[in-house]
Amino acid sequence: MRFYHVVLLALLALVAGIETLATATESSEIDIPKKEMLKITALIHHNGVNDGRLLRSVNTDTEERDIASFIRWAQVQYWLKVGKSKDYVKEMLGLKGLKGTALRASPKYKYYEEFKINSRAPMALDDMETRQVNKWLNEMLPSQKVWIELALKGVPANQLVENSAYKLYLRYAIEYDDLLFQRIKESDKIEIMVSPSPAEMEARIHIWVKAKRPNWYVEKMLGLENNAQFKGASKEYQLFLKLQKEQK
């Protein structure tokens, strides 16, 4: 087992203990005992880790702040793993009742934001795919760009179903389309990129049918708004109508 995993397991064990204590005392502020932080510090130094990402050993105070920050990060991962709610996390971070500017001004807001981003889907600590999907979602990266990034452009259509990159694409495209649909309902000023890939477009058509997207939305996504002639000539739109009819 790699050293980082050892440290993370130690941190999670500590966080779990702190969580129990915090719940029992109904405290929104979690006081991490200094002696426990120093145990983790000793473990890190014993293994020869001198990595700025974990620790900047300038002095004892700086060292303790870095360890406390890392433990807070581990705590967020623990909350994600056990499926805590956003309201619960907000309260435990001492952010309950804060809104808008006051909420964002809190130094603990970054942990709440990280929890929100990563809680869009069930997440394991080592689930790199989930992290990647959440990163793309946070950027609202168009699905066709993800298709290209995953090198799916040259994959034969009959090999896509068993392709792990294609499965990752679908996982992203479904969540991306949910967010995009909500945004388009709220604003008509969102720029739409029509995919040049027939295979990618077919995948999205199946997503639209399964999600029961309205015709106006599909027309907008295909660049066919207010154009009856193009609707009739569009293979993609006709496929959507066919699959839509079969699903009813």
C-alpha atoms as a PDB file:
ATOM      1  CA  MET A   1       0.000   0.000   0.000  1.00  0.00           C
ATOM      2  CA  ARG A   2       1.347   3.428  -0.940  1.00  0.00           C
ATOM      3  CA  PHE A   3       2.219   5.864   1.839  1.00  0.00           C
ATOM      4  CA  TYR A   4      -0.437   8.387   0.818  1.00  0.00           C
ATOM      5  CA  HIS A   5      -3.060   5.697   1.324  1.00  0.00           C
ATOM      6  CA  VAL A   6      -1.670   4.978   4.796  1.00  0.00           C
ATOM      7  CA  VAL A   7      -1.918   8.650   5.726  1.00  0.00           C
ATOM      8  CA  LEU A   8      -5.403   8.934   4.240  1.00  0.00           C
ATOM      9  CA  LEU A   9      -6.608   5.889   6.170  1.00  0.00           C
ATOM     10  CA  ALA A  10      -5.169   7.377   9.345  1.00  0.00           C
ATOM     11  CA  LEU A  11      -6.901  10.669   8.611  1.00  0.00           C
ATOM     12  CA  LEU A  12     -10.227   9.013   7.892  1.00  0.00           C
ATOM     13  CA  ALA A  13      -9.999   7.044  11.115  1.00  0.00           C
ATOM     14  CA  LEU A  14      -9.364  10.304  12.944  1.00  0.00           C
ATOM     15  CA  VAL A  15     -12.189  12.062  11.087  1.00  0.00           C
ATOM     16  CA  ALA A  16     -14.611   9.242  11.868  1.00  0.00           C
ATOM     17  CA  GLY A  17     -13.765   9.602  15.552  1.00  0.00           C
ATOM     18  CA  ILE A  18     -14.157  13.360  15.413  1.00  0.00           C
ATOM     19  CA  GLU A  19     -17.464  12.919  13.580  1.00  0.00           C
ATOM     20  CA  THR A  20     -18.811  10.748  16.384  1.00  0.00           C
ATOM     21  CA  LEU A  21     -17.729  13.268  18.985  1.00  0.00           C
ATOM     22  CA  ALA A  22     -19.196  16.203  17.062  1.00  0.00           C
ATOM     23  CA  THR A  23     -22.514  14.427  16.608  1.00  0.00           C
ATOM     24  CA  ALA A  24     -22.692  13.547  20.283  1.00  0.00           C
ATOM     25  CA  THR A  25     -22.044  17.139  21.354  1.00  0.00           C
ATOM     26  CA  GLU A  26     -24.131  18.676  18.528  1.00  0.00           C
ATOM     27  CA  SER A  27     -21.241  21.028  17.773  1.00  0.00           C
ATOM     28  CA  SER A  28     -20.880  22.719  14.400  1.00  0.00           C
ATOM     29  CA  GLU A  29     -17.208  23.421  15.097  1.00  0.00           C
ATOM     30  CA  ILE A  30     -14.904  20.445  15.159  1.00  0.00           C
ATOM     31  CA  ASP A  31     -11.831  20.978  17.331  1.00  0.00           C
ATOM     32  CA  ILE A  32      -9.063  18.726  16.062  1.00  0.00           C
ATOM     33  CA  PRO A  33      -6.868  17.808  19.047  1.00  0.00           C
ATOM     34  CA  LYS A  34      -3.305  19.103  18.732  1.00  0.00           C
ATOM     35  CA  LYS A  35      -1.810  15.799  19.862  1.00  0.00           C
ATOM     36  CA  GLU A  36      -3.712  13.978  17.092  1.00  0.00           C
ATOM     37  CA  MET A  37      -2.401  16.404  14.474  1.00  0.00           C
ATOM     38  CA  LEU A  38       1.125  15.876  15.736  1.00  0.00           C
ATOM     39  CA  LYS A  39       0.683  12.106  15.423  1.00  0.00           C
ATOM     40  CA  ILE A  40      -0.121  12.540  11.754  1.00  0.00           C
ATOM     41  CA  THR A  41       2.791  14.979  11.415  1.00  0.00           C
ATOM     42  CA  ALA A  42       5.140  12.424  12.922  1.00  0.00           C
ATOM     43  CA  LEU A  43       3.840   9.744  10.572  1.00  0.00           C
ATOM     44  CA  ILE A  44       4.479  11.988   7.573  1.00  0.00           C
ATOM     45  CA  HIS A  45       7.990  12.932   8.687  1.00  0.00           C
ATOM     46  CA  HIS A  46       8.850   9.334   9.587  1.00  0.00           C
ATOM     47  CA  ASN A  47       8.185   8.286   6.014  1.00  0.00           C
ATOM     48  CA  GLY A  48      10.356  11.042   4.611  1.00  0.00           C
ATOM     49  CA  VAL A  49       7.606  12.965   2.906  1.00  0.00           C
ATOM     50  CA  ASN A  50       8.582  16.544   2.217  1.00  0.00           C
ATOM     51  CA  ASP A  51       5.856  17.437  -0.229  1.00  0.00           C
ATOM     52  CA  GLY A  52       4.392  20.933  -0.291  1.00  0.00           C
ATOM     53  CA  ARG A  53       1.017  19.491  -1.264  1.00  0.00           C
ATOM     54  CA  LEU A  54       0.781  17.826   2.154  1.00  0.00           C
ATOM     55  CA  LEU A  55       2.912  19.932   4.436  1.00  0.00           C
ATOM     56  CA  ARG A  56       5.021  23.071   4.434  1.00  0.00           C
ATOM     57  CA  SER A  57       7.253  22.648   7.484  1.00  0.00           C
ATOM     58  CA  VAL A  58       8.234  26.258   8.127  1.00  0.00           C
ATOM     59  CA  ASN A  59       7.348  26.256  11.803  1.00  0.00           C
ATOM     60  CA  THR A  60       5.051  24.466  14.217  1.00  0.00           C
ATOM     61  CA  ASP A  61       2.108  26.842  13.730  1.00  0.00           C
ATOM     62  CA  THR A  62       2.269  26.604   9.939  1.00  0.00           C
ATOM     63  CA  GLU A  63       2.651  22.847  10.215  1.00  0.00           C
ATOM     64  CA  GLU A  64      -0.446  22.538  12.364  1.00  0.00           C
ATOM     65  CA  ARG A  65      -2.483  24.727  10.004  1.00  0.00           C
ATOM     66  CA  ASP A  66      -1.499  22.575   7.036  1.00  0.00           C
ATOM     67  CA  ILE A  67      -2.379  19.374   8.860  1.00  0.00           C
ATOM     68  CA  ALA A  68      -5.714  20.836   9.993  1.00  0.00           C
ATOM     69  CA  SER A  69      -6.486  21.827   6.404  1.00  0.00           C
ATOM     70  CA  PHE A  70      -5.606  18.350   5.152  1.00  0.00           C
ATOM     71  CA  ILE A  71      -7.770  16.750   7.814  1.00  0.00           C
ATOM     72  CA  ARG A  72     -10.651  19.027   6.837  1.00  0.00           C
ATOM     73  CA  TRP A  73     -10.195  17.823   3.251  1.00  0.00           C
ATOM     74  CA  ALA A  74     -10.266  14.214   4.490  1.00  0.00           C
ATOM     75  CA  GLN A  75     -13.414  15.041   6.419  1.00  0.00           C
ATOM     76  CA  VAL A  76     -15.113  16.189   3.213  1.00  0.00           C
ATOM     77  CA  GLN A  77     -14.140  12.879   1.607  1.00  0.00           C
ATOM     78  CA  TYR A  78     -15.597  11.030   4.592  1.00  0.00           C
ATOM     79  CA  TRP A  79     -18.899  12.917   4.309  1.00  0.00           C
ATOM     80  CA  LEU A  80     -19.032  12.086   0.608  1.00  0.00           C
ATOM     81  CA  LYS A  81     -18.312   8.431   1.275  1.00  0.00           C
ATOM     82  CA  VAL A  82     -21.033   8.013   3.913  1.00  0.00           C
ATOM     83  CA  GLY A  83     -23.583  10.052   1.941  1.00  0.00           C
ATOM     84  CA  LYS A  84     -24.134  13.036   4.214  1.00  0.00           C
ATOM     85  CA  SER A  85     -26.551  15.734   3.031  1.00  0.00           C
ATOM     86  CA  LYS A  86     -25.609  19.280   2.019  1.00  0.00           C
ATOM     87  CA  ASP A  87     -27.532  20.693   4.992  1.00  0.00           C
ATOM     88  CA  TYR A  88     -25.618  18.411   7.353  1.00  0.00           C
ATOM     89  CA  VAL A  89     -22.256  19.448   5.904  1.00  0.00           C
ATOM     90  CA  LYS A  90     -23.208  23.112   5.985  1.00  0.00           C
ATOM     91  CA  GLU A  91     -24.071  22.849   9.672  1.00  0.00           C
ATOM     92  CA  MET A  92     -20.923  20.908  10.556  1.00  0.00           C
ATOM     93  CA  LEU A  93     -18.794  23.547   8.836  1.00  0.00           C
ATOM     94  CA  GLY A  94     -20.474  26.286  10.840  1.00  0.00           C
ATOM     95  CA  LEU A  95     -22.129  27.752   7.748  1.00  0.00           C
ATOM     96  CA  LYS A  96     -25.754  27.196   8.716  1.00  0.00           C
ATOM     97  CA  GLY A  97     -27.837  30.310   8.129  1.00  0.00           C
ATOM     98  CA  LEU A  98     -25.254  31.974   5.900  1.00  0.00           C
ATOM     99  CA  LYS A  99     -26.228  32.953   2.363  1.00  0.00           C
ATOM    100  CA  GLY A 100     -24.821  34.796  -0.627  1.00  0.00           C
ATOM    101  CA  THR A 101     -21.780  36.973   0.025  1.00  0.00           C
ATOM    102  CA  ALA A 102     -21.614  36.054   3.712  1.00  0.00           C
ATOM    103  CA  LEU A 103     -21.509  32.358   2.838  1.00  0.00           C
ATOM    104  CA  ARG A 104     -18.836  32.748   0.165  1.00  0.00           C
ATOM    105  CA  ALA A 105     -16.730  34.954   2.451  1.00  0.00           C
ATOM    106  CA  SER A 106     -16.277  32.184   5.007  1.00  0.00           C
ATOM    107  CA  PRO A 107     -12.869  30.451   4.878  1.00  0.00           C
ATOM    108  CA  LYS A 108     -14.733  27.148   5.165  1.00  0.00           C
ATOM    109  CA  TYR A 109     -16.870  27.798   2.091  1.00  0.00           C
ATOM    110  CA  LYS A 110     -14.269  26.146  -0.158  1.00  0.00           C
ATOM    111  CA  TYR A 111     -14.875  22.833   1.636  1.00  0.00           C
ATOM    112  CA  TYR A 112     -18.633  23.170   1.239  1.00  0.00           C
ATOM    113  CA  GLU A 113     -18.187  23.967  -2.467  1.00  0.00           C
ATOM    114  CA  GLU A 114     -15.951  20.924  -2.913  1.00  0.00           C
ATOM    115  CA  PHE A 115     -18.581  18.749  -1.239  1.00  0.00           C
ATOM    116  CA  LYS A 116     -21.334  20.130  -3.501  1.00  0.00           C
ATOM    117  CA  ILE A 117     -19.338  19.522  -6.678  1.00  0.00           C
ATOM    118  CA  ASN A 118     -18.343  15.977  -5.764  1.00  0.00           C
ATOM    119  CA  SER A 119     -21.740  14.970  -4.373  1.00  0.00           C
ATOM    120  CA  ARG A 120     -23.421  15.152  -7.804  1.00  0.00           C
ATOM    121  CA  ALA A 121     -22.802  11.430  -8.086  1.00  0.00           C
ATOM    122  CA  PRO A 122     -21.913   8.653  -5.599  1.00  0.00           C
ATOM    123  CA  MET A 123     -18.168   8.898  -5.058  1.00  0.00           C
ATOM    124  CA  ALA A 124     -15.510   6.512  -3.782  1.00  0.00           C
ATOM    125  CA  LEU A 125     -12.233   8.000  -2.581  1.00  0.00           C
ATOM    126  CA  ASP A 126     -10.316   6.444  -5.437  1.00  0.00           C
ATOM    127  CA  ASP A 127     -12.974   6.982  -8.093  1.00  0.00           C
ATOM    128  CA  MET A 128     -10.955   8.960 -10.601  1.00  0.00           C
ATOM    129  CA  GLU A 129     -13.691   8.705 -13.211  1.00  0.00           C
ATOM    130  CA  THR A 130     -16.148  10.466 -10.932  1.00  0.00           C
ATOM    131  CA  ARG A 131     -13.616  13.184 -10.245  1.00  0.00           C
ATOM    132  CA  GLN A 132     -13.108  13.641 -13.972  1.00  0.00           C
ATOM    133  CA  VAL A 133     -16.837  13.772 -14.690  1.00  0.00           C
ATOM    134  CA  ASN A 134     -17.348  16.328 -11.932  1.00  0.00           C
ATOM    135  CA  LYS A 135     -14.469  18.415 -13.261  1.00  0.00           C
ATOM    136  CA  TRP A 136     -16.040  18.480 -16.735  1.00  0.00           C
ATOM    137  CA  LEU A 137     -19.444  19.300 -15.256  1.00  0.00           C
ATOM    138  CA  ASN A 138     -17.983  22.134 -13.255  1.00  0.00           C
ATOM    139  CA  GLU A 139     -16.589  23.533 -16.525  1.00  0.00           C
ATOM    140  CA  MET A 140     -19.792  22.660 -18.452  1.00  0.00           C
ATOM    141  CA  LEU A 141     -17.565  21.192 -21.147  1.00  0.00           C
ATOM    142  CA  PRO A 142     -19.641  20.451 -24.290  1.00  0.00           C
ATOM    143  CA  SER A 143     -20.187  16.713 -24.697  1.00  0.00           C
ATOM    144  CA  GLN A 144     -18.661  16.714 -28.183  1.00  0.00           C
ATOM    145  CA  LYS A 145     -15.394  17.999 -26.694  1.00  0.00           C
ATOM    146  CA  VAL A 146     -15.457  15.168 -24.179  1.00  0.00           C
ATOM    147  CA  TRP A 147     -16.062  12.762 -27.072  1.00  0.00           C
ATOM    148  CA  ILE A 148     -12.893  14.044 -28.750  1.00  0.00           C
ATOM    149  CA  GLU A 149     -10.913  14.117 -25.503  1.00  0.00           C
ATOM    150  CA  LEU A 150     -11.752  10.451 -24.900  1.00  0.00           C
ATOM    151  CA  ALA A 151     -10.497   9.579 -28.412  1.00  0.00           C
ATOM    152  CA  LEU A 152     -13.844   8.103 -29.479  1.00  0.00           C
ATOM    153  CA  LYS A 153     -13.840   9.745 -32.885  1.00  0.00           C
ATOM    154  CA  GLY A 154     -12.146   6.827 -34.646  1.00  0.00           C
ATOM    155  CA  VAL A 155     -13.816   3.958 -32.769  1.00  0.00           C
ATOM    156  CA  PRO A 156     -16.069   1.822 -35.032  1.00  0.00           C
ATOM    157  CA  ALA A 157     -19.748   2.090 -34.082  1.00  0.00           C
ATOM    158  CA  ASN A 158     -20.049  -1.660 -33.437  1.00  0.00           C
ATOM    159  CA  GLN A 159     -17.250  -1.469 -30.842  1.00  0.00           C
ATOM    160  CA  LEU A 160     -18.536   1.468 -28.830  1.00  0.00           C
ATOM    161  CA  VAL A 161     -20.826  -0.436 -26.468  1.00  0.00           C
ATOM    162  CA  GLU A 162     -17.954  -2.356 -24.868  1.00  0.00           C
ATOM    163  CA  ASN A 163     -15.566   0.599 -24.900  1.00  0.00           C
ATOM    164  CA  SER A 164     -14.753   1.884 -21.398  1.00  0.00           C
ATOM    165  CA  ALA A 165     -14.183   5.425 -22.685  1.00  0.00           C
ATOM    166  CA  TYR A 166     -17.635   5.357 -24.296  1.00  0.00           C
ATOM    167  CA  LYS A 167     -19.192   4.338 -20.987  1.00  0.00           C
ATOM    168  CA  LEU A 168     -17.440   7.269 -19.333  1.00  0.00           C
ATOM    169  CA  TYR A 169     -18.711   9.555 -22.103  1.00  0.00           C
ATOM    170  CA  LEU A 170     -22.299   8.386 -21.525  1.00  0.00           C
ATOM    171  CA  ARG A 171     -21.951   8.913 -17.815  1.00  0.00           C
ATOM    172  CA  TYR A 172     -20.903  12.505 -18.445  1.00  0.00           C
ATOM    173  CA  ALA A 173     -23.292  13.209 -21.338  1.00  0.00           C
ATOM    174  CA  ILE A 174     -26.350  12.200 -19.293  1.00  0.00           C
ATOM    175  CA  GLU A 175     -25.476  14.521 -16.406  1.00  0.00           C
ATOM    176  CA  TYR A 176     -24.356  17.284 -18.767  1.00  0.00           C
ATOM    177  CA  ASP A 177     -27.634  17.128 -20.677  1.00  0.00           C
ATOM    178  CA  ASP A 178     -29.640  17.359 -17.454  1.00  0.00           C
ATOM    179  CA  LEU A 179     -27.816  20.557 -16.513  1.00  0.00           C
ATOM    180  CA  LEU A 180     -28.005  21.970 -20.038  1.00  0.00           C
ATOM    181  CA  PHE A 181     -31.739  21.286 -20.278  1.00  0.00           C
ATOM    182  CA  GLN A 182     -32.380  23.180 -17.052  1.00  0.00           C
ATOM    183  CA  ARG A 183     -30.284  26.120 -18.217  1.00  0.00           C
ATOM    184  CA  ILE A 184     -31.946  26.312 -21.628  1.00  0.00           C
ATOM    185  CA  LYS A 185     -35.379  26.342 -19.983  1.00  0.00           C
ATOM    186  CA  GLU A 186     -34.271  29.398 -18.032  1.00  0.00           C
ATOM    187  CA  SER A 187     -32.502  31.245 -20.852  1.00  0.00           C
ATOM    188  CA  ASP A 188     -32.585  31.263 -24.653  1.00  0.00           C
ATOM    189  CA  LYS A 189     -29.176  32.916 -24.916  1.00  0.00           C
ATOM    190  CA  ILE A 190     -27.134  29.755 -24.413  1.00  0.00           C
ATOM    191  CA  GLU A 191     -24.881  28.912 -27.342  1.00  0.00           C
ATOM    192  CA  ILE A 192     -25.443  25.427 -28.766  1.00  0.00           C
ATOM    193  CA  MET A 193     -22.724  23.426 -30.498  1.00  0.00           C
ATOM    194  CA  VAL A 194     -24.006  20.796 -32.946  1.00  0.00           C
ATOM    195  CA  SER A 195     -21.759  17.749 -32.937  1.00  0.00           C
ATOM    196  CA  PRO A 196     -20.115  16.856 -36.268  1.00  0.00           C
ATOM    197  CA  SER A 197     -19.845  13.194 -35.206  1.00  0.00           C
ATOM    198  CA  PRO A 198     -22.780  10.979 -36.324  1.00  0.00           C
ATOM    199  CA  ALA A 199     -21.936   8.384 -33.647  1.00  0.00           C
ATOM    200  CA  GLU A 200     -21.834  10.961 -30.873  1.00  0.00           C
ATOM    201  CA  MET A 201     -25.053  12.537 -32.082  1.00  0.00           C
ATOM    202  CA  GLU A 202     -26.784   9.159 -32.109  1.00  0.00           C
ATOM    203  CA  ALA A 203     -25.686   8.568 -28.524  1.00  0.00           C
ATOM    204  CA  ARG A 204     -27.168  11.910 -27.517  1.00  0.00           C
ATOM    205  CA  ILE A 205     -30.419  11.162 -29.350  1.00  0.00           C
ATOM    206  CA  HIS A 206     -30.819   8.008 -27.264  1.00  0.00           C
ATOM    207  CA  ILE A 207     -30.181  10.089 -24.136  1.00  0.00           C
ATOM    208  CA  TRP A 208     -32.873  12.597 -25.174  1.00  0.00           C
ATOM    209  CA  VAL A 209     -35.398   9.854 -25.856  1.00  0.00           C
ATOM    210  CA  LYS A 210     -34.727   8.114 -22.555  1.00  0.00           C
ATOM    211  CA  ALA A 211     -34.966  11.425 -20.684  1.00  0.00           C
ATOM    212  CA  LYS A 212     -38.200  12.281 -22.573  1.00  0.00           C
ATOM    213  CA  ARG A 213     -36.896  15.601 -23.781  1.00  0.00           C
ATOM    214  CA  PRO A 214     -39.512  17.780 -25.533  1.00  0.00           C
ATOM    215  CA  ASN A 215     -39.322  18.213 -29.294  1.00  0.00           C
ATOM    216  CA  TRP A 216     -38.471  21.906 -29.074  1.00  0.00           C
ATOM    217  CA  TYR A 217     -35.358  21.087 -27.050  1.00  0.00           C
ATOM    218  CA  VAL A 218     -34.143  18.451 -29.515  1.00  0.00           C
ATOM    219  CA  GLU A 219     -34.817  20.803 -32.415  1.00  0.00           C
ATOM    220  CA  LYS A 220     -32.731  23.465 -30.704  1.00  0.00           C
ATOM    221  CA  MET A 221     -29.915  21.019 -30.002  1.00  0.00           C
ATOM    222  CA  LEU A 222     -29.890  19.950 -33.649  1.00  0.00           C
ATOM    223  CA  GLY A 223     -30.021  23.499 -34.966  1.00  0.00           C
ATOM    224  CA  LEU A 224     -33.459  22.934 -36.534  1.00  0.00           C
ATOM    225  CA  GLU A 225     -35.536  25.581 -34.808  1.00  0.00           C
ATOM    226  CA  ASN A 226     -38.276  27.127 -36.941  1.00  0.00           C
ATOM    227  CA  ASN A 227     -37.269  25.197 -40.038  1.00  0.00           C
ATOM    228  CA  ALA A 228     -39.824  22.567 -41.079  1.00  0.00           C
ATOM    229  CA  GLN A 229     -37.939  21.697 -44.254  1.00  0.00           C
ATOM    230  CA  PHE A 230     -34.714  20.890 -42.418  1.00  0.00           C
ATOM    231  CA  LYS A 231     -36.611  18.871 -39.802  1.00  0.00           C
ATOM    232  CA  GLY A 232     -37.962  16.601 -42.518  1.00  0.00           C
ATOM    233  CA  ALA A 233     -34.532  16.176 -44.087  1.00  0.00           C
ATOM    234  CA  SER A 234     -32.615  15.657 -40.845  1.00  0.00           C
ATOM    235  CA  LYS A 235     -31.717  11.992 -40.282  1.00  0.00           C
ATOM    236  CA  GLU A 236     -30.962  12.761 -36.652  1.00  0.00           C
ATOM    237  CA  TYR A 237     -34.328  14.368 -35.987  1.00  0.00           C
ATOM    238  CA  GLN A 238     -36.190  11.604 -37.801  1.00  0.00           C
ATOM    239  CA  LEU A 239     -34.325   9.036 -35.697  1.00  0.00           C
ATOM    240  CA  PHE A 240     -35.368  10.910 -32.567  1.00  0.00           C
ATOM    241  CA  LEU A 241     -39.037  10.894 -33.654  1.00  0.00           C
ATOM    242  CA  LYS A 242     -38.843   7.184 -34.483  1.00  0.00           C
ATOM    243  CA  LEU A 243     -37.320   6.225 -31.122  1.00  0.00           C
ATOM    244  CA  GLN A 244     -39.681   8.588 -29.330  1.00  0.00           C
ATOM    245  CA  LYS A 245     -42.673   6.862 -30.915  1.00  0.00           C
ATOM    246  CA  GLU A 246     -41.332   3.403 -30.053  1.00  0.00           C
ATOM    247  CA  GLN A 247     -40.888   4.386 -26.414  1.00  0.00           C
ATOM    248  CA  LYS A 248     -44.516   5.526 -26.003  1.00  0.00           C
END
